[in-house]
C-alpha atoms as a PDB file:
ATOM      1  CA  MET A   1      37.696  16.659  -9.802  1.00  0.00           C
ATOM      2  CA  PRO A   2      38.402  15.511 -13.704  1.00  0.00           C
ATOM      3  CA  SER A   3      34.900  15.089 -15.597  1.00  0.00           C
ATOM      4  CA  PHE A   4      35.757  11.388 -16.325  1.00  0.00           C
ATOM      5  CA  LEU A   5      36.195  10.733 -12.862  1.00  0.00           C
ATOM      6  CA  VAL A   6      32.809  12.655 -11.717  1.00  0.00           C
ATOM      7  CA  ARG A   7      30.525  10.734 -14.557  1.00  0.00           C
ATOM      8  CA  ARG A   8      32.633   7.350 -13.170  1.00  0.00           C
ATOM      9  CA  GLY A   9      31.988   7.821  -9.570  1.00  0.00           C
ATOM     10  CA  CYS A  10      28.315   8.992 -10.370  1.00  0.00           C
ATOM     11  CA  ARG A  11      27.992   5.945 -12.454  1.00  0.00           C
ATOM     12  CA  LEU A  12      29.011   3.727  -9.933  1.00  0.00           C
ATOM     13  CA  ALA A  13      27.090   5.482  -7.256  1.00  0.00           C
ATOM     14  CA  LEU A  14      24.146   4.744  -9.394  1.00  0.00           C
ATOM     15  CA  PHE A  15      24.575   1.408  -9.449  1.00  0.00           C
ATOM     16  CA  ALA A  16      25.268   0.995  -5.576  1.00  0.00           C
ATOM     17  CA  ALA A  17      21.989   3.157  -5.529  1.00  0.00           C
ATOM     18  CA  LEU A  18      19.704   1.228  -7.564  1.00  0.00           C
ATOM     19  CA  ALA A  19      21.053  -2.136  -5.785  1.00  0.00           C
ATOM     20  CA  LEU A  20      19.197  -0.658  -2.432  1.00  0.00           C
ATOM     21  CA  ALA A  21      16.166  -0.847  -3.704  1.00  0.00           C
ATOM     22  CA  PRO A  22      15.495  -4.437  -3.755  1.00  0.00           C
ATOM     23  CA  THR A  23      16.728  -4.482   0.217  1.00  0.00           C
ATOM     24  CA  LEU A  24      14.361  -2.599   1.285  1.00  0.00           C
ATOM     25  CA  PRO A  25      11.414  -4.247   3.216  1.00  0.00           C
ATOM     26  CA  ALA A  26       8.600  -2.452   3.265  1.00  0.00           C
ATOM     27  CA  HIS A  27       6.310  -0.335   1.113  1.00  0.00           C
ATOM     28  CA  ALA A  28       9.160  -0.915  -1.878  1.00  0.00           C
ATOM     29  CA  LEU A  29       9.682   0.241  -4.936  1.00  0.00           C
ATOM     30  CA  ASP A  30      12.248   2.889  -3.483  1.00  0.00           C
ATOM     31  CA  LEU A  31      13.351   5.413  -5.859  1.00  0.00           C
ATOM     32  CA  ASN A  32      16.168   8.160  -5.935  1.00  0.00           C
ATOM     33  CA  GLY A  33      17.300  10.696  -8.568  1.00  0.00           C
ATOM     34  CA  PHE A  34      19.772   8.590 -10.841  1.00  0.00           C
ATOM     35  CA  PHE A  35      18.652   8.189 -14.449  1.00  0.00           C
ATOM     36  CA  PRO A  36      19.681   6.281 -16.903  1.00  0.00           C
ATOM     37  CA  ALA A  37      20.583   6.905 -20.634  1.00  0.00           C
ATOM     38  CA  LYS A  38      17.844   6.212 -23.770  1.00  0.00           C
ATOM     39  CA  GLY A  39      18.397   2.477 -23.860  1.00  0.00           C
ATOM     40  CA  GLN A  40      20.374   1.269 -20.591  1.00  0.00           C
ATOM     41  CA  THR A  41      19.111  -1.406 -18.434  1.00  0.00           C
ATOM     42  CA  ASP A  42      19.692  -2.254 -14.656  1.00  0.00           C
ATOM     43  CA  ILE A  43      19.148  -5.509 -13.263  1.00  0.00           C
ATOM     44  CA  ALA A  44      19.509  -6.015  -9.741  1.00  0.00           C
ATOM     45  CA  ILE A  45      18.886  -9.636  -7.863  1.00  0.00           C
ATOM     46  CA  SER A  46      18.816  -9.567  -4.313  1.00  0.00           C
ATOM     47  CA  TYR A  47      18.270 -12.162  -1.194  1.00  0.00           C
ATOM     48  CA  THR A  48      17.099 -10.623   2.018  1.00  0.00           C
ATOM     49  CA  THR A  49      16.192 -12.283   5.558  1.00  0.00           C
ATOM     50  CA  GLU A  50      14.552 -10.384   8.002  1.00  0.00           C
ATOM     51  CA  SER A  51      13.448 -11.524  11.793  1.00  0.00           C
ATOM     52  CA  TYR A  52      11.584 -10.477  14.719  1.00  0.00           C
ATOM     53  CA  ASP A  53      10.552 -11.365  17.969  1.00  0.00           C
ATOM     54  CA  HIS A  54       8.796  -8.468  19.128  1.00  0.00           C
ATOM     55  CA  PHE A  55       6.106  -6.138  17.700  1.00  0.00           C
ATOM     56  CA  TYR A  56       4.411  -2.761  18.073  1.00  0.00           C
ATOM     57  CA  ARG A  57       0.817  -3.176  19.386  1.00  0.00           C
ATOM     58  CA  GLY A  58      -0.171  -0.079  18.761  1.00  0.00           C
ATOM     59  CA  THR A  59       2.847   2.219  19.744  1.00  0.00           C
ATOM     60  CA  VAL A  60       3.819  -0.722  22.648  1.00  0.00           C
ATOM     61  CA  LYS A  61       6.849  -2.545  22.015  1.00  0.00           C
ATOM     62  CA  ARG A  62       5.558  -6.005  23.007  1.00  0.00           C
ATOM     63  CA  PRO A  63       7.126  -9.553  22.626  1.00  0.00           C
ATOM     64  CA  ASN A  64       5.343 -12.008  20.223  1.00  0.00           C
ATOM     65  CA  PRO A  65       2.971 -14.406  21.389  1.00  0.00           C
ATOM     66  CA  PRO A  66       3.683 -17.880  22.031  1.00  0.00           C
ATOM     67  CA  PHE A  67       1.295 -18.928  19.109  1.00  0.00           C
ATOM     68  CA  LEU A  68       3.515 -17.075  16.725  1.00  0.00           C
ATOM     69  CA  GLY A  69       7.097 -16.850  18.177  1.00  0.00           C
ATOM     70  CA  LYS A  70       9.942 -15.443  16.521  1.00  0.00           C
ATOM     71  CA  VAL A  71       8.861 -14.585  12.361  1.00  0.00           C
ATOM     72  CA  THR A  72      11.545 -14.660   9.883  1.00  0.00           C
ATOM     73  CA  ASN A  73      11.100 -13.736   6.673  1.00  0.00           C
ATOM     74  CA  LYS A  74      13.448 -14.515   3.547  1.00  0.00           C
ATOM     75  CA  THR A  75      12.923 -12.527   0.253  1.00  0.00           C
ATOM     76  CA  THR A  76      14.476 -12.897  -3.121  1.00  0.00           C
ATOM     77  CA  THR A  77      14.093 -10.072  -5.349  1.00  0.00           C
ATOM     78  CA  LEU A  78      14.557  -9.059  -9.401  1.00  0.00           C
ATOM     79  CA  TRP A  79      14.637  -5.307  -9.559  1.00  0.00           C
ATOM     80  CA  ALA A  80      14.924  -3.545 -13.418  1.00  0.00           C
ATOM     81  CA  ARG A  81      15.066  -0.378 -14.946  1.00  0.00           C
ATOM     82  CA  HIS A  82      15.109   0.438 -18.884  1.00  0.00           C
ATOM     83  CA  GLY A  83      15.990   4.347 -20.026  1.00  0.00           C
ATOM     84  CA  LEU A  84      12.836   4.730 -22.495  1.00  0.00           C
ATOM     85  CA  THR A  85      14.088   8.011 -23.822  1.00  0.00           C
ATOM     86  CA  ASP A  86      16.778  10.132 -21.824  1.00  0.00           C
ATOM     87  CA  ARG A  87      13.925  12.053 -20.091  1.00  0.00           C
ATOM     88  CA  LEU A  88      11.878   8.758 -19.466  1.00  0.00           C
ATOM     89  CA  ALA A  89      12.617   5.591 -17.513  1.00  0.00           C
ATOM     90  CA  LEU A  90      10.797   2.205 -16.591  1.00  0.00           C
ATOM     91  CA  ILE A  91      11.177   0.444 -12.983  1.00  0.00           C
ATOM     92  CA  ALA A  92       9.690  -2.444 -12.180  1.00  0.00           C
ATOM     93  CA  ASN A  93       9.949  -4.641  -8.773  1.00  0.00           C
ATOM     94  CA  LEU A  94       9.175  -8.274  -8.461  1.00  0.00           C
ATOM     95  CA  PRO A  95       9.601 -10.031  -4.762  1.00  0.00           C
ATOM     96  CA  TYR A  96       9.279 -13.755  -3.832  1.00  0.00           C
ATOM     97  CA  VAL A  97       8.629 -14.345   0.210  1.00  0.00           C
ATOM     98  CA  ASP A  98       8.941 -17.320   2.987  1.00  0.00           C
ATOM     99  CA  SER A  99       7.321 -15.795   5.901  1.00  0.00           C
ATOM    100  CA  SER A 100       7.103 -18.204   8.822  1.00  0.00           C
ATOM    101  CA  GLY A 101       6.699 -18.451  12.749  1.00  0.00           C
ATOM    102  CA  ASP A 102       8.738 -20.815  15.312  1.00  0.00           C
ATOM    103  CA  GLY A 103       5.650 -20.719  17.479  1.00  0.00           C
ATOM    104  CA  THR A 104       3.263 -23.461  18.284  1.00  0.00           C
ATOM    105  CA  ASP A 105       0.810 -22.754  15.458  1.00  0.00           C
ATOM    106  CA  HIS A 106       3.583 -23.136  13.009  1.00  0.00           C
ATOM    107  CA  LEU A 107       2.187 -20.273  10.891  1.00  0.00           C
ATOM    108  CA  SER A 108       3.863 -19.529   7.460  1.00  0.00           C
ATOM    109  CA  GLU A 109       3.398 -18.254   3.682  1.00  0.00           C
ATOM    110  CA  THR A 110       5.451 -18.273   0.601  1.00  0.00           C
ATOM    111  CA  SER A 111       4.576 -16.963  -2.510  1.00  0.00           C
ATOM    112  CA  LEU A 112       4.843 -14.137  -5.199  1.00  0.00           C
ATOM    113  CA  GLN A 113       4.537 -11.086  -3.655  1.00  0.00           C
ATOM    114  CA  ASP A 114       3.838  -7.588  -5.438  1.00  0.00           C
ATOM    115  CA  LEU A 115       4.347  -6.421  -8.765  1.00  0.00           C
ATOM    116  CA  THR A 116       5.752  -2.745  -8.848  1.00  0.00           C
ATOM    117  CA  ALA A 117       6.034  -0.733 -11.908  1.00  0.00           C
ATOM    118  CA  MET A 118       6.231   2.803 -12.104  1.00  0.00           C
ATOM    119  CA  LEU A 119       7.467   5.332 -15.105  1.00  0.00           C
ATOM    120  CA  GLU A 120       9.589   8.165 -13.967  1.00  0.00           C
ATOM    121  CA  PHE A 121      10.333  11.100 -15.719  1.00  0.00           C
ATOM    122  CA  LYS A 122      13.582  13.638 -15.132  1.00  0.00           C
ATOM    123  CA  ALA A 123      11.727  16.892 -14.569  1.00  0.00           C
ATOM    124  CA  PHE A 124      14.808  18.968 -13.876  1.00  0.00           C
ATOM    125  CA  GLU A 125      18.519  19.285 -13.969  1.00  0.00           C
ATOM    126  CA  SER A 126      21.080  21.634 -14.054  1.00  0.00           C
ATOM    127  CA  GLY A 127      24.966  22.634 -13.031  1.00  0.00           C
ATOM    128  CA  SER A 128      27.941  20.326 -14.180  1.00  0.00           C
ATOM    129  CA  SER A 129      30.859  19.960 -10.767  1.00  0.00           C
ATOM    130  CA  VAL A 130      27.284  20.034  -8.582  1.00  0.00           C
ATOM    131  CA  ARG A 131      24.425  18.488 -10.120  1.00  0.00           C
ATOM    132  CA  ASN A 132      20.597  19.006  -8.882  1.00  0.00           C
ATOM    133  CA  ARG A 133      18.139  17.106 -10.429  1.00  0.00           C
ATOM    134  CA  VAL A 134      14.548  16.765  -9.916  1.00  0.00           C
ATOM    135  CA  VAL A 135      12.584  12.970 -10.796  1.00  0.00           C
ATOM    136  CA  VAL A 136       8.951  12.293 -10.560  1.00  0.00           C
ATOM    137  CA  ALA A 137       6.931   9.074 -10.768  1.00  0.00           C
ATOM    138  CA  VAL A 138       4.091   7.792 -11.187  1.00  0.00           C
ATOM    139  CA  GLY A 139       2.933   3.621 -11.370  1.00  0.00           C
ATOM    140  CA  GLY A 140       1.361   0.629  -9.458  1.00  0.00           C
ATOM    141  CA  ARG A 141       1.535  -1.964  -7.262  1.00  0.00           C
ATOM    142  CA  THR A 142      -0.853  -5.028  -7.475  1.00  0.00           C
ATOM    143  CA  PRO A 143      -0.591  -8.656  -6.079  1.00  0.00           C
ATOM    144  CA  ALA A 144       1.214 -10.820  -8.348  1.00  0.00           C
ATOM    145  CA  SER A 145      -0.363 -14.179  -6.505  1.00  0.00           C
ATOM    146  CA  ASP A 146      -3.433 -15.315  -4.400  1.00  0.00           C
ATOM    147  CA  TYR A 147      -1.439 -14.993  -0.738  1.00  0.00           C
ATOM    148  CA  ILE A 148      -3.539 -14.078   2.044  1.00  0.00           C
ATOM    149  CA  GLY A 149      -3.100 -10.291   3.445  1.00  0.00           C
ATOM    150  CA  ASP A 150      -4.825 -10.981   6.719  1.00  0.00           C
ATOM    151  CA  SER A 151      -2.361 -12.699   8.779  1.00  0.00           C
ATOM    152  CA  PRO A 152      -0.114 -12.511  11.011  1.00  0.00           C
ATOM    153  CA  VAL A 153       2.967 -13.815   9.008  1.00  0.00           C
ATOM    154  CA  SER A 154       1.189 -12.123   5.572  1.00  0.00           C
ATOM    155  CA  ILE A 155       3.532 -11.366   2.756  1.00  0.00           C
ATOM    156  CA  GLY A 156       2.037  -8.710   2.320  1.00  0.00           C
ATOM    157  CA  ASP A 157      -1.407  -6.264   2.301  1.00  0.00           C
ATOM    158  CA  HIS A 158      -3.058  -8.101  -1.243  1.00  0.00           C
ATOM    159  CA  SER A 159      -4.036  -4.723  -2.352  1.00  0.00           C
ATOM    160  CA  THR A 160      -3.807  -2.630  -5.499  1.00  0.00           C
ATOM    161  CA  ASP A 161      -1.858   0.250  -5.302  1.00  0.00           C
ATOM    162  CA  GLU A 162      -1.660   3.551  -7.118  1.00  0.00           C
ATOM    163  CA  LEU A 163       1.803   5.352  -6.036  1.00  0.00           C
ATOM    164  CA  PHE A 164       3.129   8.302  -6.541  1.00  0.00           C
ATOM    165  CA  ARG A 165       6.996   9.929  -5.926  1.00  0.00           C
ATOM    166  CA  LEU A 166       8.896  13.336  -6.187  1.00  0.00           C
ATOM    167  CA  VAL A 167      12.556  12.678  -5.565  1.00  0.00           C
ATOM    168  CA  TYR A 168      15.188  15.569  -5.363  1.00  0.00           C
ATOM    169  CA  GLN A 169      18.980  14.672  -5.856  1.00  0.00           C
ATOM    170  CA  LEU A 170      22.051  16.502  -5.332  1.00  0.00           C
ATOM    171  CA  GLU A 171      25.557  15.334  -6.762  1.00  0.00           C
ATOM    172  CA  ALA A 172      28.622  16.911  -5.765  1.00  0.00           C
ATOM    173  CA  GLY A 173      31.780  14.806  -7.279  1.00  0.00           C
ATOM    174  CA  ARG A 174      31.383  11.286  -5.648  1.00  0.00           C
ATOM    175  CA  PHE A 175      29.002  12.037  -2.984  1.00  0.00           C
ATOM    176  CA  TYR A 176      25.009  12.301  -3.712  1.00  0.00           C
ATOM    177  CA  PHE A 177      21.962  12.970  -1.569  1.00  0.00           C
ATOM    178  CA  SER A 178      18.571  12.007  -2.255  1.00  0.00           C
ATOM    179  CA  GLN A 179      15.093  12.716  -0.904  1.00  0.00           C
ATOM    180  CA  GLN A 180      12.037  10.908  -1.816  1.00  0.00           C
ATOM    181  CA  VAL A 181       8.570  12.353  -0.559  1.00  0.00           C
ATOM    182  CA  GLY A 182       5.574  10.077  -1.910  1.00  0.00           C
ATOM    183  CA  TYR A 183       1.911   9.240  -1.613  1.00  0.00           C
ATOM    184  CA  ASP A 184       0.241   5.527  -2.135  1.00  0.00           C
ATOM    185  CA  LEU A 185      -3.678   5.229  -2.659  1.00  0.00           C
ATOM    186  CA  ARG A 186      -4.358   2.278  -1.339  1.00  0.00           C
ATOM    187  CA  SER A 187      -7.495  -0.486  -1.787  1.00  0.00           C
ATOM    188  CA  GLY A 188      -9.590  -2.294   0.431  1.00  0.00           C
ATOM    189  CA  ASP A 189      -9.557  -1.194   3.636  1.00  0.00           C
ATOM    190  CA  VAL A 190      -5.535  -0.794   3.591  1.00  0.00           C
ATOM    191  CA  PRO A 191      -5.258   3.072   5.209  1.00  0.00           C
ATOM    192  CA  ASP A 192      -3.096   5.430   2.356  1.00  0.00           C
ATOM    193  CA  GLY A 193       0.313   6.272   3.469  1.00  0.00           C
ATOM    194  CA  TYR A 194       3.156   8.502   2.553  1.00  0.00           C
ATOM    195  CA  PRO A 195       6.833   6.773   2.753  1.00  0.00           C
ATOM    196  CA  VAL A 196       9.502   9.034   3.271  1.00  0.00           C
ATOM    197  CA  TYR A 197      12.945   8.155   2.024  1.00  0.00           C
ATOM    198  CA  THR A 198      16.489   9.678   2.643  1.00  0.00           C
ATOM    199  CA  GLU A 199      19.277   8.505   1.475  1.00  0.00           C
ATOM    200  CA  ALA A 200      23.342   9.330   0.614  1.00  0.00           C
ATOM    201  CA  GLY A 201      26.718   8.106  -0.183  1.00  0.00           C
ATOM    202  CA  TYR A 202      29.768   8.418  -1.192  1.00  0.00           C
ATOM    203  CA  THR A 203      32.576   6.333  -3.699  1.00  0.00           C
ATOM    204  CA  VAL A 204      36.424   5.881  -3.521  1.00  0.00           C
ATOM    205  CA  GLY A 205      37.836   3.499  -6.535  1.00  0.00           C
ATOM    206  CA  ARG A 206      35.539   0.477  -7.238  1.00  0.00           C
ATOM    207  CA  VAL A 207      33.812   0.926  -3.785  1.00  0.00           C
ATOM    208  CA  THR A 208      30.497   2.647  -2.732  1.00  0.00           C
ATOM    209  CA  VAL A 209      29.311   3.462   0.574  1.00  0.00           C
ATOM    210  CA  ASN A 210      25.868   4.527   1.613  1.00  0.00           C
ATOM    211  CA  GLY A 211      22.903   4.816   3.853  1.00  0.00           C
ATOM    212  CA  PHE A 212      19.542   5.328   4.129  1.00  0.00           C
ATOM    213  CA  TYR A 213      16.277   6.934   6.525  1.00  0.00           C
ATOM    214  CA  GLN A 214      12.904   5.137   5.621  1.00  0.00           C
ATOM    215  CA  ARG A 215       9.920   6.319   7.135  1.00  0.00           C
ATOM    216  CA  TYR A 216       6.372   5.424   6.549  1.00  0.00           C
ATOM    217  CA  PHE A 217       3.356   7.233   7.686  1.00  0.00           C
ATOM    218  CA  ALA A 218      -0.426   5.779   7.643  1.00  0.00           C
ATOM    219  CA  ASP A 219      -3.506   8.109   6.787  1.00  0.00           C
ATOM    220  CA  GLY A 220      -5.828   6.436   9.705  1.00  0.00           C
ATOM    221  CA  GLY A 221      -5.913   2.709  10.433  1.00  0.00           C
ATOM    222  CA  SER A 222      -6.786   0.149  13.483  1.00  0.00           C
ATOM    223  CA  ASP A 223      -4.689  -1.044  15.809  1.00  0.00           C
ATOM    224  CA  ILE A 224      -3.582  -4.244  16.992  1.00  0.00           C
ATOM    225  CA  GLY A 225      -6.194  -5.468  19.768  1.00  0.00           C
ATOM    226  CA  ASP A 226      -8.761  -2.970  18.600  1.00  0.00           C
ATOM    227  CA  PRO A 227     -12.343  -4.830  17.910  1.00  0.00           C
ATOM    228  CA  GLY A 228     -12.802  -5.860  15.021  1.00  0.00           C
ATOM    229  CA  PHE A 229      -9.566  -5.049  13.867  1.00  0.00           C
ATOM    230  CA  THR A 230      -7.754  -6.626  10.669  1.00  0.00           C
ATOM    231  CA  PHE A 231      -4.289  -6.954  10.202  1.00  0.00           C
ATOM    232  CA  THR A 232      -4.526  -5.337   6.597  1.00  0.00           C
ATOM    233  CA  GLY A 233      -6.172  -2.249   8.157  1.00  0.00           C
ATOM    234  CA  ASN A 234      -3.826  -1.193  10.663  1.00  0.00           C
ATOM    235  CA  LYS A 235      -2.147   1.919  10.825  1.00  0.00           C
ATOM    236  CA  ASP A 236       1.009   0.026   9.754  1.00  0.00           C
ATOM    237  CA  GLU A 237       3.909   2.489  10.490  1.00  0.00           C
ATOM    238  CA  LEU A 238       7.799   2.833  10.803  1.00  0.00           C
ATOM    239  CA  GLN A 239      11.115   4.205  10.910  1.00  0.00           C
ATOM    240  CA  ARG A 240      14.309   2.065   9.613  1.00  0.00           C
ATOM    241  CA  VAL A 241      17.726   2.972   9.156  1.00  0.00           C
ATOM    242  CA  GLY A 242      20.542   1.078   7.269  1.00  0.00           C
ATOM    243  CA  GLY A 243      23.537   1.090   5.245  1.00  0.00           C
ATOM    244  CA  LYS A 244      25.220  -0.889   2.570  1.00  0.00           C
ATOM    245  CA  LEU A 245      28.598  -1.468   0.613  1.00  0.00           C
ATOM    246  CA  PHE A 246      28.832  -2.086  -2.686  1.00  0.00           C
ATOM    247  CA  ALA A 247      31.668  -3.021  -4.797  1.00  0.00           C
ATOM    248  CA  ARG A 248      32.245  -3.174  -8.605  1.00  0.00           C
ATOM    249  CA  VAL A 249      33.475  -6.445 -10.275  1.00  0.00           C
ATOM    250  CA  THR A 250      33.762  -5.154 -13.738  1.00  0.00           C
ATOM    251  CA  ARG A 251      32.525  -2.250 -15.614  1.00  0.00           C
ATOM    252  CA  PRO A 252      28.830  -4.226 -15.628  1.00  0.00           C
ATOM    253  CA  VAL A 253      28.736  -6.680 -12.599  1.00  0.00           C
ATOM    254  CA  GLY A 254      28.650  -5.419  -9.137  1.00  0.00           C
ATOM    255  CA  VAL A 255      28.277  -6.946  -5.786  1.00  0.00           C
ATOM    256  CA  PHE A 256      26.918  -5.533  -2.271  1.00  0.00           C
ATOM    257  CA  VAL A 257      25.978  -6.526   1.264  1.00  0.00           C
ATOM    258  CA  ALA A 258      23.830  -4.400   3.252  1.00  0.00           C
ATOM    259  CA  GLY A 259      22.071  -4.661   6.771  1.00  0.00           C
ATOM    260  CA  PHE A 260      19.285  -2.580   8.178  1.00  0.00           C
ATOM    261  CA  THR A 261      17.083  -2.371  11.795  1.00  0.00           C
ATOM    262  CA  THR A 262      13.668  -0.575  12.934  1.00  0.00           C
ATOM    263  CA  LEU A 263      14.290   2.379  15.082  1.00  0.00           C
ATOM    264  CA  ASP A 264      10.508   2.843  16.028  1.00  0.00           C
ATOM    265  CA  GLY A 265       6.905   1.701  14.628  1.00  0.00           C
ATOM    266  CA  ARG A 266       3.235   1.081  15.079  1.00  0.00           C
ATOM    267  CA  ASN A 267       1.440  -2.298  14.247  1.00  0.00           C
ATOM    268  CA  THR A 268       4.417  -3.564  12.736  1.00  0.00           C
ATOM    269  CA  GLY A 269       7.324  -5.869  13.657  1.00  0.00           C
ATOM    270  CA  TYR A 270      10.414  -4.808  15.170  1.00  0.00           C
ATOM    271  CA  THR A 271      12.842  -6.293  12.574  1.00  0.00           C
ATOM    272  CA  THR A 272      16.604  -6.101  12.080  1.00  0.00           C
ATOM    273  CA  GLY A 273      17.604  -7.599   8.360  1.00  0.00           C
ATOM    274  CA  TYR A 274      20.681  -8.378   5.821  1.00  0.00           C
ATOM    275  CA  SER A 275      20.738  -8.648   2.403  1.00  0.00           C
ATOM    276  CA  ALA A 276      22.901  -9.449  -0.599  1.00  0.00           C
ATOM    277  CA  GLY A 277      22.961  -9.504  -3.880  1.00  0.00           C
ATOM    278  CA  PHE A 278      24.854  -8.216  -7.282  1.00  0.00           C
ATOM    279  CA  THR A 279      24.009  -5.876 -10.286  1.00  0.00           C
ATOM    280  CA  LEU A 280      24.246  -6.126 -13.956  1.00  0.00           C
ATOM    281  CA  GLY A 281      24.043  -3.019 -16.541  1.00  0.00           C
ATOM    282  CA  PHE A 282      23.786  -3.420 -20.317  1.00  0.00           C
END
C-alpha cells in the first residue's frame, strides 16, 4: 500500500479513536496508542444518552425499585489532547451529566462531573508498514463540582484519584488494534480499580468503523444491600461492548455516532446507550 494512503488511513483512524473516548460511560479517561505530533491539538465534543431499568444487586440482575424507576443519564463531554513534543502529550476530559429517575421519589442530579487530565508518553515505536507502539500515561481525576457521590442517581463517586495506564497498539495499513490496562488509586471509601480496554478499527475512504470491549475490576468493596453499605464504597464492576461509525467531513472536521450495551456487572446499572458528536483537529 502506498505510504501516503497508510498515513491518511492512520490519521483518520486517530480521529475515530479519539472520538470514542468521550462516549465511554464509566471509568474514563480511556486511551489508545495514537499519538499527536508536536503542536497538534485535537478536540471532541459528544452527547451521550444512556438508561437502565434493571441493575445488579451484587451480581444478581434485578428490576429497579419503584422509588427509583427508570434511570436516564445524559452527558455532554469535552475532550482535548495536545502534543507537547513528538513523544509527550497532554489529554483531558470534562463531562456535564444530567441523571434522573422517573420513579416515585423523582431523584435527580445535574452538574459537572470529574475533570480528568493525564500526561501520555510514547515509550516505544517500531516498524513502518506494520507499526508497534507502547504508550504510558499518568494523571489524575478530581470532582469538578460539589455533587453528591453517595446516591442512587449519583453522577460519580466524588473521589480524587491517581490514574496509571499502559497501552500497546498495532497498526497495519488501515487496520489498528489497541489494548489498554490500568490502575486507579482512589480516595475515601471508593475501592481501587483495574480498567481493561480493547479497541479495533478499520478505515475505508473517509469512513472508519471501530469497536471496543471495556471491563473494570474493583479491588474490594461492598455489595448493594450489605449492612452499612455506601454507593461510593460498592464493588462496582462491569463488562461492556460497543461500536462506532466515524466520517471525516473535511480534513480538520469529523462526525460520529456510537452505541454500547452492558454484558455483565456488579452493583451497576444494566445500561444501554447511544452517542453522537464531532471532532476538530488543528
